[in-house]
Amino acid sequence: MLRRRLSPLVLAALAVAPVVAGCAGLPVQQMSDARQAITAAEQAGAAQYAPELLAESKRLVDRAKVNLNDGEYRQSRQDAELAREKAMEARRIAEAARGVQGP
């Protein structure tokens, strides 16, 4: 009797697994992190002190958006993560140039 109850549950889990895995592939958090890092860099003065890095991080976010829309989630995630790293570096440079100590 228990075996008959588990069978539909197992089948339901197997049917839902690909959908859940597909959603897990969306780089939503990475995109958000990149945007927040860019905002922080801008507020720190990166446009003045590290304009190339700031511009590159923005280009990477734009490319990540295109890849996301094209279903290229892995590349989108990589671009967003790289954008975040570049924005964080731009922020560090700007804060160092202004004499601000980070966390």
Protein backbone atom coordinates (compact mmCIF):
# COMPACT_ATOMS: atom_id res chain seq x y z
CA MET A 1 0.00 0.00 0.00
CA LEU A 2 2.80 2.41 0.85
CA ARG A 3 4.46 1.58 -2.43
CA ARG A 4 1.40 2.72 -4.42
CA ARG A 5 1.37 6.03 -2.55
CA LEU A 6 5.01 6.72 -3.21
CA SER A 7 4.84 5.94 -6.88
CA PRO A 8 2.69 8.97 -7.84
CA LEU A 9 4.82 11.16 -5.59
CA VAL A 10 8.00 9.94 -7.21
CA LEU A 11 6.53 10.49 -10.66
CA ALA A 12 5.42 13.99 -9.71
CA ALA A 13 8.88 14.80 -8.38
CA LEU A 14 10.47 13.54 -11.58
CA ALA A 15 8.08 15.61 -13.67
CA VAL A 16 8.81 18.79 -11.70
CA ALA A 17 12.59 18.32 -11.49
CA PRO A 18 13.41 19.66 -14.99
CA VAL A 19 11.30 22.74 -14.40
CA VAL A 20 12.99 23.45 -11.09
CA ALA A 21 16.42 22.84 -12.61
CA GLY A 22 15.63 25.23 -15.44
CA CYS A 23 14.62 27.97 -13.02
CA ALA A 24 17.72 27.40 -10.97
CA GLY A 25 19.77 28.19 -14.07
CA LEU A 26 18.55 31.79 -14.30
CA PRO A 27 21.29 34.15 -13.10
CA VAL A 28 18.88 36.47 -11.31
CA GLN A 29 21.02 36.87 -8.19
CA GLN A 30 24.20 37.44 -10.18
CA MET A 31 22.51 40.15 -12.24
CA SER A 32 21.25 41.84 -9.09
CA ASP A 33 24.67 41.62 -7.44
CA ALA A 34 26.32 43.17 -10.51
CA ARG A 35 23.86 46.06 -10.62
CA GLN A 36 24.33 46.74 -6.91
CA ALA A 37 28.11 46.69 -7.29
CA ILE A 38 27.89 49.16 -10.18
CA THR A 39 25.71 51.48 -8.12
CA ALA A 40 28.15 51.30 -5.21
CA ALA A 41 31.07 52.01 -7.55
CA GLU A 42 29.29 55.01 -9.01
CA GLN A 43 28.54 56.35 -5.53
CA ALA A 44 32.20 55.93 -4.58
CA GLY A 45 33.30 58.05 -7.54
CA ALA A 46 34.39 55.36 -9.98
CA ALA A 47 33.23 57.47 -12.93
CA GLN A 48 36.06 59.86 -12.07
CA TYR A 49 38.71 57.52 -10.70
CA ALA A 50 38.15 54.24 -12.62
CA PRO A 51 36.00 55.09 -15.65
CA GLU A 52 37.29 52.24 -17.81
CA LEU A 53 36.49 49.57 -15.24
CA LEU A 54 33.09 51.08 -14.55
CA ALA A 55 32.27 51.23 -18.26
CA GLU A 56 33.44 47.65 -18.75
CA SER A 57 31.24 46.43 -15.89
CA LYS A 58 28.25 48.17 -17.48
CA ARG A 59 29.02 46.62 -20.87
CA LEU A 60 29.21 43.19 -19.24
CA VAL A 61 25.82 43.67 -17.58
CA ASP A 62 24.35 44.69 -20.92
CA ARG A 63 25.86 41.60 -22.54
CA ALA A 64 24.55 39.46 -19.68
CA LYS A 65 21.04 40.80 -20.36
CA VAL A 66 21.31 39.88 -24.04
CA ASN A 67 22.56 36.40 -23.17
CA LEU A 68 19.78 36.00 -20.63
CA ASN A 69 17.17 36.92 -23.22
CA ASP A 70 18.77 34.46 -25.66
CA GLY A 71 18.59 31.65 -23.10
CA GLU A 72 22.38 31.54 -22.68
CA TYR A 73 22.19 31.33 -18.91
CA ARG A 74 25.72 30.09 -18.26
CA GLN A 75 27.29 32.91 -20.29
CA SER A 76 24.90 35.41 -18.74
CA ARG A 77 25.94 34.27 -15.26
CA GLN A 78 29.63 34.52 -16.15
CA ASP A 79 29.20 38.01 -17.59
CA ALA A 80 27.25 39.18 -14.54
CA GLU A 81 29.85 37.77 -12.15
CA LEU A 82 32.66 39.43 -14.09
CA ALA A 83 30.72 42.70 -14.15
CA ARG A 84 30.42 42.54 -10.37
CA GLU A 85 34.15 41.90 -9.97
CA LYS A 86 35.05 44.83 -12.22
CA ALA A 87 32.61 47.14 -10.47
CA MET A 88 34.02 46.13 -7.08
CA GLU A 89 37.54 46.82 -8.32
CA ALA A 90 36.43 50.20 -9.68
CA ARG A 91 34.95 50.99 -6.28
CA ARG A 92 38.16 50.00 -4.49
CA ILE A 93 40.19 52.24 -6.81
CA ALA A 94 37.83 55.15 -6.32
CA GLU A 95 37.81 54.77 -2.55
CA ALA A 96 41.60 54.50 -2.44
CA ALA A 97 41.95 57.63 -4.58
CA ARG A 98 39.60 59.50 -2.26
CA GLY A 99 41.31 58.14 0.85
CA VAL A 100 38.25 56.19 2.00
CA GLN A 101 38.92 52.99 3.91
CA GLY A 102 36.75 50.03 3.00
CA PRO A 103 35.24 47.38 5.29
